[in-house]
C-alpha atoms as a PDB file:
ATOM      1  CA  UNK A   1      81.418  33.968 160.892  1.00  0.00           C
ATOM      2  CA  UNK A   2      85.095  34.856 161.133  1.00  0.00           C
ATOM      3  CA  UNK A   3      87.804  35.327 158.550  1.00  0.00           C
ATOM      4  CA  UNK A   4      91.522  34.677 158.710  1.00  0.00           C
ATOM      5  CA  UNK A   5      94.244  35.120 156.100  1.00  0.00           C
ATOM      6  CA  UNK A   6      97.498  33.229 155.685  1.00  0.00           C
ATOM      7  CA  UNK A   7     100.540  34.145 153.598  1.00  0.00           C
ATOM      8  CA  UNK A   8     103.526  32.196 152.333  1.00  0.00           C
ATOM      9  CA  UNK A   9     106.401  33.649 150.317  1.00  0.00           C
ATOM     10  CA  UNK A  10     107.582  31.349 147.539  1.00  0.00           C
ATOM     11  CA  UNK A  11     108.433  31.598 143.842  1.00  0.00           C
ATOM     12  CA  UNK A  12     106.237  28.471 143.459  1.00  0.00           C
ATOM     13  CA  UNK A  13     103.079  30.145 144.815  1.00  0.00           C
ATOM     14  CA  UNK A  14     101.046  29.392 141.690  1.00  0.00           C
ATOM     15  CA  UNK A  15     102.114  25.757 141.670  1.00  0.00           C
ATOM     16  CA  UNK A  16     101.152  25.302 145.309  1.00  0.00           C
ATOM     17  CA  UNK A  17      97.786  26.972 144.746  1.00  0.00           C
ATOM     18  CA  UNK A  18      97.069  24.610 141.854  1.00  0.00           C
ATOM     19  CA  UNK A  19      98.227  21.518 143.783  1.00  0.00           C
ATOM     20  CA  UNK A  20      96.063  22.453 146.742  1.00  0.00           C
ATOM     21  CA  UNK A  21      92.995  23.049 144.578  1.00  0.00           C
ATOM     22  CA  UNK A  22      93.509  19.882 142.510  1.00  0.00           C
ATOM     23  CA  UNK A  23      93.817  17.872 145.700  1.00  0.00           C
ATOM     24  CA  UNK A  24      90.621  19.313 147.177  1.00  0.00           C
ATOM     25  CA  UNK A  25      88.830  18.801 143.841  1.00  0.00           C
ATOM     26  CA  UNK A  26      88.965  15.037 144.427  1.00  0.00           C
ATOM     27  CA  UNK A  27      86.315  15.494 147.142  1.00  0.00           C
ATOM     28  CA  UNK A  28      84.582  18.865 146.624  1.00  0.00           C
ATOM     29  CA  UNK A  29      83.775  21.323 143.838  1.00  0.00           C
ATOM     30  CA  UNK A  30      86.684  23.731 143.326  1.00  0.00           C
ATOM     31  CA  UNK A  31      87.166  26.540 140.823  1.00  0.00           C
ATOM     32  CA  UNK A  32      90.743  27.517 140.081  1.00  0.00           C
ATOM     33  CA  UNK A  33      93.284  28.700 137.544  1.00  0.00           C
ATOM     34  CA  UNK A  34      96.957  29.688 137.792  1.00  0.00           C
ATOM     35  CA  UNK A  35      96.349  32.691 140.057  1.00  0.00           C
ATOM     36  CA  UNK A  36      93.183  32.030 142.068  1.00  0.00           C
ATOM     37  CA  UNK A  37      91.059  29.294 143.540  1.00  0.00           C
ATOM     38  CA  UNK A  38      87.927  28.970 145.629  1.00  0.00           C
ATOM     39  CA  UNK A  39      85.747  26.317 147.214  1.00  0.00           C
ATOM     40  CA  UNK A  40      83.057  25.768 149.815  1.00  0.00           C
ATOM     41  CA  UNK A  41      84.481  23.458 152.457  1.00  0.00           C
ATOM     42  CA  UNK A  42      83.079  21.831 155.573  1.00  0.00           C
ATOM     43  CA  UNK A  43      84.243  24.732 157.752  1.00  0.00           C
ATOM     44  CA  UNK A  44      83.213  27.519 155.355  1.00  0.00           C
ATOM     45  CA  UNK A  45      84.708  29.220 152.310  1.00  0.00           C
ATOM     46  CA  UNK A  46      88.295  28.931 151.029  1.00  0.00           C
ATOM     47  CA  UNK A  47      89.870  31.391 148.584  1.00  0.00           C
ATOM     48  CA  UNK A  48      93.486  31.502 147.450  1.00  0.00           C
ATOM     49  CA  UNK A  49      95.499  33.866 145.289  1.00  0.00           C
ATOM     50  CA  UNK A  50      99.001  33.458 143.905  1.00  0.00           C
ATOM     51  CA  UNK A  51     101.290  36.311 143.000  1.00  0.00           C
ATOM     52  CA  UNK A  52     104.774  35.994 141.507  1.00  0.00           C
ATOM     53  CA  UNK A  53     106.259  35.181 144.913  1.00  0.00           C
ATOM     54  CA  UNK A  54     103.408  34.961 147.404  1.00  0.00           C
ATOM     55  CA  UNK A  55     100.525  32.629 148.154  1.00  0.00           C
ATOM     56  CA  UNK A  56      97.601  34.110 150.066  1.00  0.00           C
ATOM     57  CA  UNK A  57      94.818  31.951 151.509  1.00  0.00           C
ATOM     58  CA  UNK A  58      91.696  33.443 153.041  1.00  0.00           C
ATOM     59  CA  UNK A  59      89.192  31.414 155.041  1.00  0.00           C
ATOM     60  CA  UNK A  60      85.664  32.377 156.055  1.00  0.00           C
ATOM     61  CA  UNK A  61      84.796  30.068 158.932  1.00  0.00           C
ATOM     62  CA  UNK A  62      81.185  29.513 159.950  1.00  0.00           C
ATOM     63  CA  UNK A  63      81.933  28.293 163.482  1.00  0.00           C
ATOM     64  CA  UNK A  64      84.814  29.926 165.402  1.00  0.00           C
ATOM     65  CA  UNK A  65      85.444  26.580 167.118  1.00  0.00           C
ATOM     66  CA  UNK A  66      86.617  25.273 163.716  1.00  0.00           C
ATOM     67  CA  UNK A  67      89.348  27.920 163.275  1.00  0.00           C
ATOM     68  CA  UNK A  68      92.307  25.767 164.312  1.00  0.00           C
ATOM     69  CA  UNK A  69      91.024  22.761 162.354  1.00  0.00           C
ATOM     70  CA  UNK A  70      90.503  24.832 159.198  1.00  0.00           C
ATOM     71  CA  UNK A  71      93.991  26.323 159.366  1.00  0.00           C
ATOM     72  CA  UNK A  72      95.450  22.876 160.047  1.00  0.00           C
ATOM     73  CA  UNK A  73      93.790  21.402 156.932  1.00  0.00           C
ATOM     74  CA  UNK A  74      95.435  24.032 154.715  1.00  0.00           C
ATOM     75  CA  UNK A  75      98.817  23.914 156.477  1.00  0.00           C
ATOM     76  CA  UNK A  76      98.938  20.103 156.494  1.00  0.00           C
ATOM     77  CA  UNK A  77      98.419  19.875 152.752  1.00  0.00           C
ATOM     78  CA  UNK A  78     100.845  22.677 151.928  1.00  0.00           C
ATOM     79  CA  UNK A  79     103.465  21.014 154.139  1.00  0.00           C
ATOM     80  CA  UNK A  80     103.285  17.994 151.832  1.00  0.00           C
ATOM     81  CA  UNK A  81     103.482  20.039 148.627  1.00  0.00           C
ATOM     82  CA  UNK A  82     106.150  22.518 149.817  1.00  0.00           C
ATOM     83  CA  UNK A  83     108.305  20.175 151.897  1.00  0.00           C
ATOM     84  CA  UNK A  84     111.423  20.918 149.810  1.00  0.00           C
ATOM     85  CA  UNK A  85     111.154  24.557 150.886  1.00  0.00           C
ATOM     86  CA  UNK A  86     110.807  23.613 154.547  1.00  0.00           C
ATOM     87  CA  UNK A  87     107.214  24.842 154.765  1.00  0.00           C
ATOM     88  CA  UNK A  88     105.678  24.541 158.225  1.00  0.00           C
ATOM     89  CA  UNK A  89     102.681  26.877 158.343  1.00  0.00           C
ATOM     90  CA  UNK A  90     101.174  29.883 156.648  1.00  0.00           C
ATOM     91  CA  UNK A  91     101.714  33.184 158.417  1.00  0.00           C
ATOM     92  CA  UNK A  92      98.116  33.482 159.675  1.00  0.00           C
ATOM     93  CA  UNK A  93      96.497  36.763 160.708  1.00  0.00           C
ATOM     94  CA  UNK A  94      94.358  37.005 163.825  1.00  0.00           C
ATOM     95  CA  UNK A  95      90.743  36.043 163.138  1.00  0.00           C
ATOM     96  CA  UNK A  96      88.304  38.896 162.485  1.00  0.00           C
ATOM     97  CA  UNK A  97      84.505  38.886 162.624  1.00  0.00           C
ATOM     98  CA  UNK A  98      83.187  38.865 159.067  1.00  0.00           C
END
């Protein structure tokens, strides 16, 4: 298993966290509130936290071959929600063995 963390600076961090979690909740069980969210996804575990101006997403990926796909799923959805801010991708850290 590996873990990777992505960050995005925005005053709308909480709103994006909630949009992301509500969207995923249409297909999987998700727990979330205004400042945190978590879910078990096909690639592993997803956790997100929102501060006043920063969204942090951490992924625990069961198969390293799924790393790019897992990051793409998160980035693709955030690109839709944060398009007015010109969002392209989270600032992802290098993967680390968990």
